[in-house]
Amino acid sequence: MPDRPIVSAMSGLTLDTVTTIALVSAIAFVILAVVAAVLLKSIAQKLAVASILVLLALLVWTQRTALQTCAELIRDTDRTVSTTCTFFGQDVDIPTRPGS
């Protein structure tokens, strides 16, 4: 078996794709939290599940914000090659500015 590097599941994703995925995920977690709060019987279950889902939504949202900030900082610099930022530890390609 030839030696090949392990490729991550997120390799090759673009900034737009990752920000869209993050936005949809955050919204889905909030919706699931509301649904769980309505459907679960006991108060403890409602609070536990809703809290976990809201925390996951917050985590995804903050990662999305950090990714956008990183991309804006990189785009503000003069460069001619693509650079990467991270989203949950995975590299996301940030293309060069148009006209660079």
C-alpha atoms as a PDB file:
ATOM      1  CA  MET A   1       0.000   0.000   0.000  1.00  0.00           C
ATOM      2  CA  PRO A   2       1.601   3.310  -1.058  1.00  0.00           C
ATOM      3  CA  ASP A   3       2.237   5.995   1.523  1.00  0.00           C
ATOM      4  CA  ARG A   4      -0.263   8.774   0.961  1.00  0.00           C
ATOM      5  CA  PRO A   5      -0.991  11.701   3.252  1.00  0.00           C
ATOM      6  CA  ILE A   6      -4.265  11.592   5.095  1.00  0.00           C
ATOM      7  CA  VAL A   7      -6.622  14.150   3.600  1.00  0.00           C
ATOM      8  CA  SER A   8      -9.054  15.798   5.962  1.00  0.00           C
ATOM      9  CA  ALA A   9     -12.762  15.789   5.217  1.00  0.00           C
ATOM     10  CA  MET A  10     -12.772  19.600   5.007  1.00  0.00           C
ATOM     11  CA  SER A  11      -9.810  19.994   2.671  1.00  0.00           C
ATOM     12  CA  GLY A  12     -10.562  22.091  -0.357  1.00  0.00           C
ATOM     13  CA  LEU A  13     -13.525  23.899   1.160  1.00  0.00           C
ATOM     14  CA  THR A  14     -13.848  27.551   0.353  1.00  0.00           C
ATOM     15  CA  LEU A  15     -14.646  30.414   2.683  1.00  0.00           C
ATOM     16  CA  ASP A  16     -18.141  30.845   1.240  1.00  0.00           C
ATOM     17  CA  THR A  17     -18.956  27.156   1.613  1.00  0.00           C
ATOM     18  CA  VAL A  18     -17.781  26.978   5.222  1.00  0.00           C
ATOM     19  CA  THR A  19     -19.588  30.168   6.267  1.00  0.00           C
ATOM     20  CA  THR A  20     -22.800  28.857   4.690  1.00  0.00           C
ATOM     21  CA  ILE A  21     -22.418  25.505   6.430  1.00  0.00           C
ATOM     22  CA  ALA A  22     -21.781  27.264   9.746  1.00  0.00           C
ATOM     23  CA  LEU A  23     -24.804  29.527   9.359  1.00  0.00           C
ATOM     24  CA  VAL A  24     -27.117  26.631   8.482  1.00  0.00           C
ATOM     25  CA  SER A  25     -25.710  24.547  11.359  1.00  0.00           C
ATOM     26  CA  ALA A  26     -26.207  27.325  13.910  1.00  0.00           C
ATOM     27  CA  ILE A  27     -29.795  27.863  12.785  1.00  0.00           C
ATOM     28  CA  ALA A  28     -30.465  24.101  12.843  1.00  0.00           C
ATOM     29  CA  PHE A  29     -29.117  23.809  16.408  1.00  0.00           C
ATOM     30  CA  VAL A  30     -31.366  26.633  17.599  1.00  0.00           C
ATOM     31  CA  ILE A  31     -34.407  25.079  15.888  1.00  0.00           C
ATOM     32  CA  LEU A  32     -33.584  21.689  17.417  1.00  0.00           C
ATOM     33  CA  ALA A  33     -33.285  23.332  20.840  1.00  0.00           C
ATOM     34  CA  VAL A  34     -36.770  24.836  20.491  1.00  0.00           C
ATOM     35  CA  VAL A  35     -38.222  21.532  19.259  1.00  0.00           C
ATOM     36  CA  ALA A  36     -36.560  19.646  22.117  1.00  0.00           C
ATOM     37  CA  ALA A  37     -37.920  22.139  24.639  1.00  0.00           C
ATOM     38  CA  VAL A  38     -41.439  21.580  23.296  1.00  0.00           C
ATOM     39  CA  LEU A  39     -41.338  17.793  22.888  1.00  0.00           C
ATOM     40  CA  LEU A  40     -39.445  16.585  25.945  1.00  0.00           C
ATOM     41  CA  LYS A  41     -41.502  15.837  29.047  1.00  0.00           C
ATOM     42  CA  SER A  42     -39.397  16.734  32.067  1.00  0.00           C
ATOM     43  CA  ILE A  43     -37.998  20.170  32.807  1.00  0.00           C
ATOM     44  CA  ALA A  44     -34.528  18.703  33.427  1.00  0.00           C
ATOM     45  CA  GLN A  45     -34.457  17.046  29.993  1.00  0.00           C
ATOM     46  CA  LYS A  46     -35.697  20.210  28.322  1.00  0.00           C
ATOM     47  CA  LEU A  47     -33.061  22.354  29.996  1.00  0.00           C
ATOM     48  CA  ALA A  48     -30.217  19.905  29.381  1.00  0.00           C
ATOM     49  CA  VAL A  49     -30.915  19.253  25.712  1.00  0.00           C
ATOM     50  CA  ALA A  50     -31.808  22.854  24.886  1.00  0.00           C
ATOM     51  CA  SER A  51     -28.687  24.132  26.690  1.00  0.00           C
ATOM     52  CA  ILE A  52     -26.387  21.741  24.828  1.00  0.00           C
ATOM     53  CA  LEU A  53     -27.894  22.631  21.453  1.00  0.00           C
ATOM     54  CA  VAL A  54     -27.726  26.371  22.128  1.00  0.00           C
ATOM     55  CA  LEU A  55     -24.089  26.010  23.213  1.00  0.00           C
ATOM     56  CA  LEU A  56     -23.308  24.120  19.997  1.00  0.00           C
ATOM     57  CA  ALA A  57     -24.989  26.876  17.984  1.00  0.00           C
ATOM     58  CA  LEU A  58     -22.933  29.495  19.830  1.00  0.00           C
ATOM     59  CA  LEU A  59     -19.728  27.532  19.235  1.00  0.00           C
ATOM     60  CA  VAL A  60     -20.390  27.244  15.492  1.00  0.00           C
ATOM     61  CA  TRP A  61     -21.331  30.934  15.302  1.00  0.00           C
ATOM     62  CA  THR A  62     -18.141  32.078  17.053  1.00  0.00           C
ATOM     63  CA  GLN A  63     -16.006  29.871  14.789  1.00  0.00           C
ATOM     64  CA  ARG A  64     -17.783  31.379  11.775  1.00  0.00           C
ATOM     65  CA  THR A  65     -17.129  34.899  13.061  1.00  0.00           C
ATOM     66  CA  ALA A  66     -13.463  34.098  13.715  1.00  0.00           C
ATOM     67  CA  LEU A  67     -13.135  32.673  10.199  1.00  0.00           C
ATOM     68  CA  GLN A  68     -14.646  35.786   8.653  1.00  0.00           C
ATOM     69  CA  THR A  69     -12.359  38.038  10.713  1.00  0.00           C
ATOM     70  CA  CYS A  70      -9.301  36.024   9.671  1.00  0.00           C
ATOM     71  CA  ALA A  71     -10.356  36.197   6.019  1.00  0.00           C
ATOM     72  CA  GLU A  72     -10.877  39.958   6.184  1.00  0.00           C
ATOM     73  CA  LEU A  73      -7.452  40.484   7.770  1.00  0.00           C
ATOM     74  CA  ILE A  74      -5.798  38.338   5.129  1.00  0.00           C
ATOM     75  CA  ARG A  75      -7.640  40.050   2.279  1.00  0.00           C
ATOM     76  CA  ASP A  76      -6.544  43.458   3.582  1.00  0.00           C
ATOM     77  CA  THR A  77      -2.879  42.527   3.121  1.00  0.00           C
ATOM     78  CA  ASP A  78      -1.084  42.617  -0.207  1.00  0.00           C
ATOM     79  CA  ARG A  79      -0.417  39.072  -1.302  1.00  0.00           C
ATOM     80  CA  THR A  80      -0.370  37.045  -4.480  1.00  0.00           C
ATOM     81  CA  VAL A  81      -0.932  33.521  -3.143  1.00  0.00           C
ATOM     82  CA  SER A  82      -3.883  31.902  -1.425  1.00  0.00           C
ATOM     83  CA  THR A  83      -3.696  31.594   2.337  1.00  0.00           C
ATOM     84  CA  THR A  84      -5.641  29.547   4.853  1.00  0.00           C
ATOM     85  CA  CYS A  85      -7.626  30.240   7.990  1.00  0.00           C
ATOM     86  CA  THR A  86      -9.019  27.559  10.275  1.00  0.00           C
ATOM     87  CA  PHE A  87     -12.538  26.435  11.119  1.00  0.00           C
ATOM     88  CA  PHE A  88     -12.612  23.958  14.022  1.00  0.00           C
ATOM     89  CA  GLY A  89      -8.928  23.290  13.371  1.00  0.00           C
ATOM     90  CA  GLN A  90      -9.401  22.537   9.668  1.00  0.00           C
ATOM     91  CA  ASP A  91      -7.730  24.677   7.025  1.00  0.00           C
ATOM     92  CA  VAL A  92     -10.009  26.736   4.787  1.00  0.00           C
ATOM     93  CA  ASP A  93      -8.524  28.282   1.651  1.00  0.00           C
ATOM     94  CA  ILE A  94      -8.806  32.063   1.417  1.00  0.00           C
ATOM     95  CA  PRO A  95      -8.331  33.124  -2.208  1.00  0.00           C
ATOM     96  CA  THR A  96      -6.357  36.166  -3.227  1.00  0.00           C
ATOM     97  CA  ARG A  97      -8.147  39.448  -3.783  1.00  0.00           C
ATOM     98  CA  PRO A  98      -9.437  39.997  -7.298  1.00  0.00           C
ATOM     99  CA  GLY A  99      -6.848  41.900  -9.293  1.00  0.00           C
ATOM    100  CA  SER A 100      -3.946  40.802  -7.075  1.00  0.00           C
END
